[in-house]
């Protein structure tokens, strides 16, 4: 079977076939989302998020269809004035575009991929009540490290901070105290099939939802929170996906251990690329470089040849994204990849 190192949908955990069989035998696939079975499942997943990812006890977990849906939810149900977006890549730009469509006063600051946020010179005026940050940008393999999130939160304590962790939640330790709205999808670091989004709200964010009072849409946060009080959802959810998330959380180590392993692997990948003659890191600034998605750049013909060579030995490298497609490839450094698979990748890359 081919091993995929694409950054999403990515490799699923090897335990998935057993999880799936257990879900069938336990009747999860037929569970009503108003039943005690589902309410217990919802409560278990929320508790596991606290135990394994160290999500604060007063944060509320909500389930959506995908990380992308959360772009719309945040603008329609939380933002009162306008949001201000800081981004460097394609997904951060898409979030900004969606938000601007809903709230035309939305503004943004585009960074170079190798640039970190200059918090001292960052100017987010009174017209913006939510700051939106793409913590991990899948398209160009960048990230906003915890210390920069902390600095933005310290400079603007009166504003809510929304954080896209689509390719990092479940893979690295996040400082939850520095954000109010966090979201992700399960097909990345959680090692699951696509089709389930995660949204986490702080008490400040929940208060803002109530203050705005937006309602009338199927995914209005007020409606979602009203149901979540009883560990129910506002619509028929992906119960199967939620059950699989529970199993992954049960089996994974605490996040500080996962974080350590992910960062050790990234250092090994960086050393490997540094010792090749034709490849170099797409992101040269270590402070801006992702821990969970590696971008590698080279000449166009080389990129095409190495991807074909990988396919021949049963490995799939992730393609470059957008304008970077022809001159780069991406490697998912996600927890579901086993040590054996990771070492196979290193051995393959060392030949170049």
Protein backbone atom coordinates (compact mmCIF):
# COMPACT_ATOMS: atom_id res chain seq x y z
CA UNK A 1 0.00 0.00 0.00
CA UNK A 2 1.28 3.46 -0.94
CA UNK A 3 2.28 5.75 1.95
CA UNK A 4 1.05 9.29 1.51
CA UNK A 5 2.97 12.24 2.89
CA UNK A 6 0.50 14.72 1.38
CA UNK A 7 -0.60 17.38 3.90
CA UNK A 8 -4.28 16.62 3.65
CA UNK A 9 -6.23 14.63 3.35
CA UNK A 10 -3.31 12.81 4.84
CA UNK A 11 -2.40 9.38 6.16
CA UNK A 12 -4.95 8.03 8.64
CA UNK A 13 -4.01 6.17 11.79
CA UNK A 14 -3.34 2.47 11.34
CA UNK A 15 -5.88 1.70 14.07
CA UNK A 16 -8.71 3.05 11.92
CA UNK A 17 -9.99 -0.32 10.57
CA UNK A 18 -10.47 -1.54 14.15
CA UNK A 19 -12.10 1.74 15.20
CA UNK A 20 -14.50 1.42 12.26
CA UNK A 21 -15.39 -2.16 13.08
CA UNK A 22 -15.99 -1.25 16.71
CA UNK A 23 -18.24 1.65 15.68
CA UNK A 24 -20.37 -0.74 13.62
CA UNK A 25 -20.59 -3.36 16.35
CA UNK A 26 -21.45 -0.77 19.00
CA UNK A 27 -24.30 0.67 16.93
CA UNK A 28 -22.64 4.08 16.61
CA UNK A 29 -23.47 4.28 12.90
CA UNK A 30 -27.19 4.24 13.74
CA UNK A 31 -27.03 6.40 16.88
CA UNK A 32 -29.57 9.22 17.05
CA UNK A 33 -27.92 12.58 17.73
CA UNK A 34 -30.55 13.33 20.40
CA UNK A 35 -29.88 10.07 22.20
CA UNK A 36 -27.97 9.46 25.43
CA UNK A 37 -25.41 7.47 23.39
CA UNK A 38 -24.50 10.54 21.35
CA UNK A 39 -24.63 12.97 24.27
CA UNK A 40 -22.23 10.74 26.20
CA UNK A 41 -19.96 10.55 23.13
CA UNK A 42 -19.93 14.36 22.75
CA UNK A 43 -19.11 14.80 26.44
CA UNK A 44 -16.33 12.20 26.25
CA UNK A 45 -14.68 13.91 23.27
CA UNK A 46 -14.79 17.31 24.97
CA UNK A 47 -13.21 15.83 28.11
CA UNK A 48 -10.53 14.07 26.07
CA UNK A 49 -9.67 17.36 24.34
CA UNK A 50 -9.01 18.77 27.81
CA UNK A 51 -7.00 15.77 28.98
CA UNK A 52 -4.90 15.17 25.87
CA UNK A 53 -4.65 18.62 24.23
CA UNK A 54 -4.92 20.63 27.48
CA UNK A 55 -7.85 22.69 26.20
CA UNK A 56 -9.04 24.89 29.11
CA UNK A 57 -11.99 23.55 31.10
CA UNK A 58 -14.12 26.60 30.33
CA UNK A 59 -13.76 26.36 26.53
CA UNK A 60 -16.70 24.87 24.61
CA UNK A 61 -16.24 22.32 21.84
CA UNK A 62 -18.50 22.52 18.78
CA UNK A 63 -18.60 20.33 15.68
CA UNK A 64 -18.85 21.72 12.14
CA UNK A 65 -18.55 20.25 8.66
CA UNK A 66 -15.00 21.49 8.07
CA UNK A 67 -12.48 24.17 9.01
CA UNK A 68 -13.68 26.16 5.99
CA UNK A 69 -17.22 26.44 7.38
CA UNK A 70 -15.80 28.16 10.44
CA UNK A 71 -14.68 31.12 8.29
CA UNK A 72 -18.31 31.97 7.65
CA UNK A 73 -19.48 31.18 11.18
CA UNK A 74 -16.95 33.53 12.77
CA UNK A 75 -17.88 36.50 10.57
CA UNK A 76 -21.63 36.03 10.82
CA UNK A 77 -21.95 35.14 14.52
CA UNK A 78 -19.00 36.75 16.36
CA UNK A 79 -17.62 39.74 14.46
CA UNK A 80 -19.56 42.89 15.38
CA UNK A 81 -17.55 45.63 13.67
CA UNK A 82 -15.02 43.97 11.35
CA UNK A 83 -12.17 41.47 11.49
CA UNK A 84 -8.49 42.13 10.77
CA UNK A 85 -6.57 39.29 9.13
CA UNK A 86 -2.82 38.64 9.21
CA UNK A 87 -1.79 35.98 6.67
CA UNK A 88 0.97 34.91 4.30
CA UNK A 89 -0.53 32.14 2.17
CA UNK A 90 -3.48 30.97 0.13
CA UNK A 91 -5.68 29.67 2.92
CA UNK A 92 -5.25 32.76 5.06
CA UNK A 93 -6.14 34.81 1.97
CA UNK A 94 -9.25 32.70 1.35
CA UNK A 95 -10.37 33.21 4.95
CA UNK A 96 -9.87 36.95 4.49
CA UNK A 97 -11.85 36.92 1.23
CA UNK A 98 -14.78 35.01 2.79
CA UNK A 99 -14.84 37.39 5.74
CA UNK A 100 -14.76 40.47 3.48
CA UNK A 101 -17.67 39.12 1.48
CA UNK A 102 -19.77 38.95 4.67
CA UNK A 103 -18.38 42.10 6.33
CA UNK A 104 -17.06 44.50 3.66
CA UNK A 105 -15.14 46.58 6.23
CA UNK A 106 -12.82 43.60 6.85
CA UNK A 107 -9.14 44.41 6.31
CA UNK A 108 -5.91 42.40 6.25
CA UNK A 109 -2.14 42.46 6.32
CA UNK A 110 -0.31 40.12 3.95
CA UNK A 111 3.14 38.98 5.08
CA UNK A 112 5.92 37.52 3.01
CA UNK A 113 6.20 33.78 3.60
CA UNK A 114 9.55 34.23 5.39
CA UNK A 115 8.29 37.15 7.46
CA UNK A 116 7.10 36.91 11.06
CA UNK A 117 4.58 39.29 12.59
CA UNK A 118 6.23 42.54 13.67
CA UNK A 119 3.96 42.97 16.65
CA UNK A 120 5.52 46.31 17.66
CA UNK A 121 4.49 47.91 14.36
CA UNK A 122 1.20 46.02 14.00
CA UNK A 123 -1.64 48.54 13.92
CA UNK A 124 -5.15 47.14 14.39
CA UNK A 125 -7.49 50.07 14.96
CA UNK A 126 -10.70 50.43 16.94
CA UNK A 127 -12.74 49.54 13.86
CA UNK A 128 -11.77 45.87 14.25
CA UNK A 129 -12.96 43.72 17.14
CA UNK A 130 -11.55 40.34 16.01
CA UNK A 131 -7.98 39.59 14.92
CA UNK A 132 -7.68 36.54 12.67
CA UNK A 133 -4.41 34.61 12.45
CA UNK A 134 -3.52 31.55 10.39
CA UNK A 135 -1.35 29.73 12.91
CA UNK A 136 -0.31 27.08 10.40
CA UNK A 137 -0.51 27.88 6.68
CA UNK A 138 -0.69 24.60 4.80
CA UNK A 139 -0.13 26.12 1.37
CA UNK A 140 3.36 27.50 1.99
CA UNK A 141 4.49 25.57 5.12
CA UNK A 142 4.60 28.54 7.49
CA UNK A 143 3.39 29.05 11.02
CA UNK A 144 2.86 31.71 13.69
CA UNK A 145 4.67 30.47 16.78
CA UNK A 146 3.14 30.62 20.25
CA UNK A 147 5.32 33.55 21.30
CA UNK A 148 3.92 35.71 18.49
CA UNK A 149 0.36 34.76 19.41
CA UNK A 150 1.18 35.75 22.98
CA UNK A 151 2.57 39.11 21.87
CA UNK A 152 -0.50 39.94 19.76
CA UNK A 153 -2.82 38.97 22.63
CA UNK A 154 -0.83 41.13 25.06
CA UNK A 155 -0.94 44.16 22.73
CA UNK A 156 -4.67 43.86 22.03
CA UNK A 157 -6.31 42.41 25.16
CA UNK A 158 -9.64 44.02 24.29
CA UNK A 159 -9.96 42.20 20.96
CA UNK A 160 -10.91 38.59 20.34
CA UNK A 161 -8.32 36.47 18.54
CA UNK A 162 -9.39 33.75 16.09
CA UNK A 163 -6.79 31.14 15.15
CA UNK A 164 -6.71 28.72 12.22
CA UNK A 165 -4.93 25.55 13.37
CA UNK A 166 -6.18 23.28 10.60
CA UNK A 167 -2.78 21.65 10.06
CA UNK A 168 -1.45 21.86 13.60
CA UNK A 169 -4.16 21.08 16.19
CA UNK A 170 -3.39 17.63 17.54
CA UNK A 171 0.22 17.84 16.38
CA UNK A 172 1.81 20.62 18.41
CA UNK A 173 1.18 22.17 21.82
CA UNK A 174 -0.91 25.33 21.50
CA UNK A 175 -1.17 28.12 24.08
CA UNK A 176 -4.94 28.30 24.30
CA UNK A 177 -4.89 31.30 26.61
CA UNK A 178 -3.74 33.51 23.73
CA UNK A 179 -6.81 32.92 21.56
CA UNK A 180 -10.58 32.91 21.93
CA UNK A 181 -11.64 31.06 18.77
CA UNK A 182 -9.69 28.02 17.56
CA UNK A 183 -10.62 25.73 14.71
CA UNK A 184 -9.33 22.75 12.74
CA UNK A 185 -10.31 19.79 10.57
CA UNK A 186 -9.65 16.15 11.42
CA UNK A 187 -7.94 15.08 8.16
CA UNK A 188 -4.54 16.48 9.16
CA UNK A 189 -2.90 15.95 12.55
CA UNK A 190 -5.83 13.92 13.90
CA UNK A 191 -5.19 11.28 11.23
CA UNK A 192 -8.82 10.79 10.23
CA UNK A 193 -10.86 10.92 7.00
CA UNK A 194 -12.13 14.37 6.02
CA UNK A 195 -15.66 15.46 6.92
CA UNK A 196 -15.52 16.90 10.42
CA UNK A 197 -14.54 20.34 11.67
CA UNK A 198 -13.67 21.36 15.21
CA UNK A 199 -14.48 24.76 16.73
CA UNK A 200 -13.38 25.75 20.24
CA UNK A 201 -14.69 28.89 21.94
CA UNK A 202 -13.48 30.68 25.07
CA UNK A 203 -15.92 32.25 27.55
CA UNK A 204 -15.13 35.67 26.00
CA UNK A 205 -16.08 34.40 22.56
CA UNK A 206 -19.30 32.85 23.88
CA UNK A 207 -20.19 36.15 25.57
CA UNK A 208 -19.59 37.95 22.25
CA UNK A 209 -21.93 35.52 20.48
CA UNK A 210 -24.67 36.26 23.00
CA UNK A 211 -24.04 39.99 22.77
CA UNK A 212 -24.30 40.00 18.98
CA UNK A 213 -27.38 37.78 19.06
CA UNK A 214 -27.13 36.66 15.44
CA UNK A 215 -29.66 33.93 14.66
CA UNK A 216 -31.76 32.52 11.87
CA UNK A 217 -29.11 30.47 10.04
CA UNK A 218 -28.69 26.76 10.47
CA UNK A 219 -25.10 27.33 11.67
CA UNK A 220 -25.70 30.42 13.80
CA UNK A 221 -23.43 30.06 16.82
CA UNK A 222 -26.24 31.00 19.20
CA UNK A 223 -28.21 28.00 17.92
CA UNK A 224 -25.17 25.74 18.06
CA UNK A 225 -24.32 26.76 21.63
CA UNK A 226 -27.93 26.33 22.73
CA UNK A 227 -27.76 22.68 21.66
CA UNK A 228 -24.20 22.15 22.94
CA UNK A 229 -25.27 22.89 26.51
CA UNK A 230 -26.97 19.46 26.42
CA UNK A 231 -24.16 17.84 24.38
CA UNK A 232 -26.27 17.85 21.26
CA UNK A 233 -25.75 19.41 17.84
CA UNK A 234 -27.99 21.73 15.86
CA UNK A 235 -28.12 19.37 12.87
CA UNK A 236 -27.55 15.67 12.21
CA UNK A 237 -23.79 15.50 12.68
CA UNK A 238 -21.04 13.21 11.48
CA UNK A 239 -21.52 10.84 14.43
CA UNK A 240 -19.12 8.32 12.91
CA UNK A 241 -16.38 10.96 12.58
CA UNK A 242 -16.93 12.13 16.15
CA UNK A 243 -16.61 8.54 17.38
CA UNK A 244 -13.37 8.08 15.41
CA UNK A 245 -12.05 11.32 16.92
CA UNK A 246 -12.79 9.92 20.37
CA UNK A 247 -10.80 6.78 19.64
CA UNK A 248 -7.82 8.73 18.30
CA UNK A 249 -7.81 10.99 21.36
CA UNK A 250 -8.02 8.00 23.68
CA UNK A 251 -5.01 6.35 22.08
CA UNK A 252 -2.76 9.37 21.58
CA UNK A 253 -0.19 10.51 24.17
CA UNK A 254 -0.59 13.89 25.84
CA UNK A 255 0.16 16.74 23.47
CA UNK A 256 3.53 17.72 24.96
CA UNK A 257 4.87 14.28 24.01
CA UNK A 258 3.41 14.48 20.51
CA UNK A 259 4.85 18.01 20.15
CA UNK A 260 8.32 16.80 21.11
CA UNK A 261 8.25 13.97 18.57
CA UNK A 262 6.91 16.19 15.76
CA UNK A 263 9.64 18.78 16.32
CA UNK A 264 12.38 16.13 16.50
CA UNK A 265 11.18 14.71 13.18
CA UNK A 266 11.13 18.14 11.59
CA UNK A 267 14.74 18.74 12.67
CA UNK A 268 15.70 15.42 11.06
CA UNK A 269 13.94 16.42 7.83
CA UNK A 270 15.64 19.82 7.86
CA UNK A 271 19.07 18.21 8.32
CA UNK A 272 18.32 15.77 5.51
CA UNK A 273 17.34 18.52 3.05
CA UNK A 274 20.35 20.63 4.06
CA UNK A 275 22.66 17.78 3.04
CA UNK A 276 21.23 17.42 -0.46
CA UNK A 277 22.59 19.25 -3.49
CA UNK A 278 19.43 20.16 -5.38
CA UNK A 279 16.80 20.79 -2.69
CA UNK A 280 16.38 23.55 -0.16
CA UNK A 281 13.77 24.58 2.37
CA UNK A 282 10.92 26.60 0.93
CA UNK A 283 10.83 28.67 4.13
CA UNK A 284 14.34 29.83 5.00
CA UNK A 285 13.39 31.71 8.17
CA UNK A 286 13.19 29.12 10.98
CA UNK A 287 10.94 31.42 13.02
CA UNK A 288 8.34 31.36 10.24
CA UNK A 289 8.67 27.65 9.36
CA UNK A 290 5.93 25.17 10.18
CA UNK A 291 6.57 22.18 12.44
CA UNK A 292 3.87 20.02 10.87
CA UNK A 293 4.17 20.78 7.13
CA UNK A 294 7.53 20.99 5.37
CA UNK A 295 7.91 22.80 2.06
CA UNK A 296 10.83 21.83 -0.20
CA UNK A 297 11.77 23.80 -3.31
CA UNK A 298 13.92 22.96 -6.33
CA UNK A 299 13.97 23.34 -10.10
CA UNK A 300 10.76 22.38 -11.86
CA UNK A 301 12.16 19.35 -13.67
CA UNK A 302 13.71 18.03 -10.46
CA UNK A 303 10.42 18.37 -8.56
CA UNK A 304 8.62 16.36 -11.26
CA UNK A 305 11.29 13.64 -11.25
CA UNK A 306 11.54 13.19 -7.48
CA UNK A 307 7.76 12.92 -7.15
CA UNK A 308 7.73 10.22 -9.84
CA UNK A 309 10.62 8.40 -8.15
CA UNK A 310 8.74 8.46 -4.84
CA UNK A 311 5.65 6.98 -6.49
CA UNK A 312 7.74 4.09 -7.86
CA UNK A 313 8.83 3.11 -4.34
CA UNK A 314 5.34 3.40 -2.87
CA UNK A 315 5.42 6.94 -1.47
CA UNK A 316 3.39 10.00 -2.38
CA UNK A 317 4.88 13.44 -1.79
CA UNK A 318 2.42 16.30 -1.46
CA UNK A 319 2.34 18.67 -4.40
CA UNK A 320 3.15 22.35 -4.15
CA UNK A 321 0.12 24.60 -3.77
CA UNK A 322 -1.06 27.31 -6.16
CA UNK A 323 1.81 29.37 -7.62
CA UNK A 324 4.30 27.06 -5.85
CA UNK A 325 2.94 23.91 -7.49
CA UNK A 326 5.64 23.35 -10.12
CA UNK A 327 8.68 24.28 -8.03
CA UNK A 328 7.96 22.66 -4.67
CA UNK A 329 6.57 19.68 -2.85
CA UNK A 330 5.21 19.39 0.67
CA UNK A 331 5.69 16.75 3.34
CA UNK A 332 3.15 16.17 6.08
CA UNK A 333 4.88 15.73 9.42
CA UNK A 334 1.74 14.42 11.12
CA UNK A 335 1.47 12.05 14.12
CA UNK A 336 -0.25 9.23 12.20
CA UNK A 337 2.94 8.61 10.22
CA UNK A 338 4.84 5.76 11.89
CA UNK A 339 8.54 5.80 12.72
CA UNK A 340 9.16 3.13 10.09
CA UNK A 341 7.42 5.19 7.41
CA UNK A 342 9.24 8.34 8.44
CA UNK A 343 12.61 6.58 8.26
CA UNK A 344 11.75 5.24 4.80
CA UNK A 345 11.11 8.80 3.68
CA UNK A 346 14.42 10.01 5.12
CA UNK A 347 16.32 7.20 3.39
CA UNK A 348 14.64 8.08 0.10
CA UNK A 349 15.44 11.80 0.37
CA UNK A 350 19.07 11.13 1.34
CA UNK A 351 19.65 9.64 -2.11
CA UNK A 352 19.24 13.12 -3.57
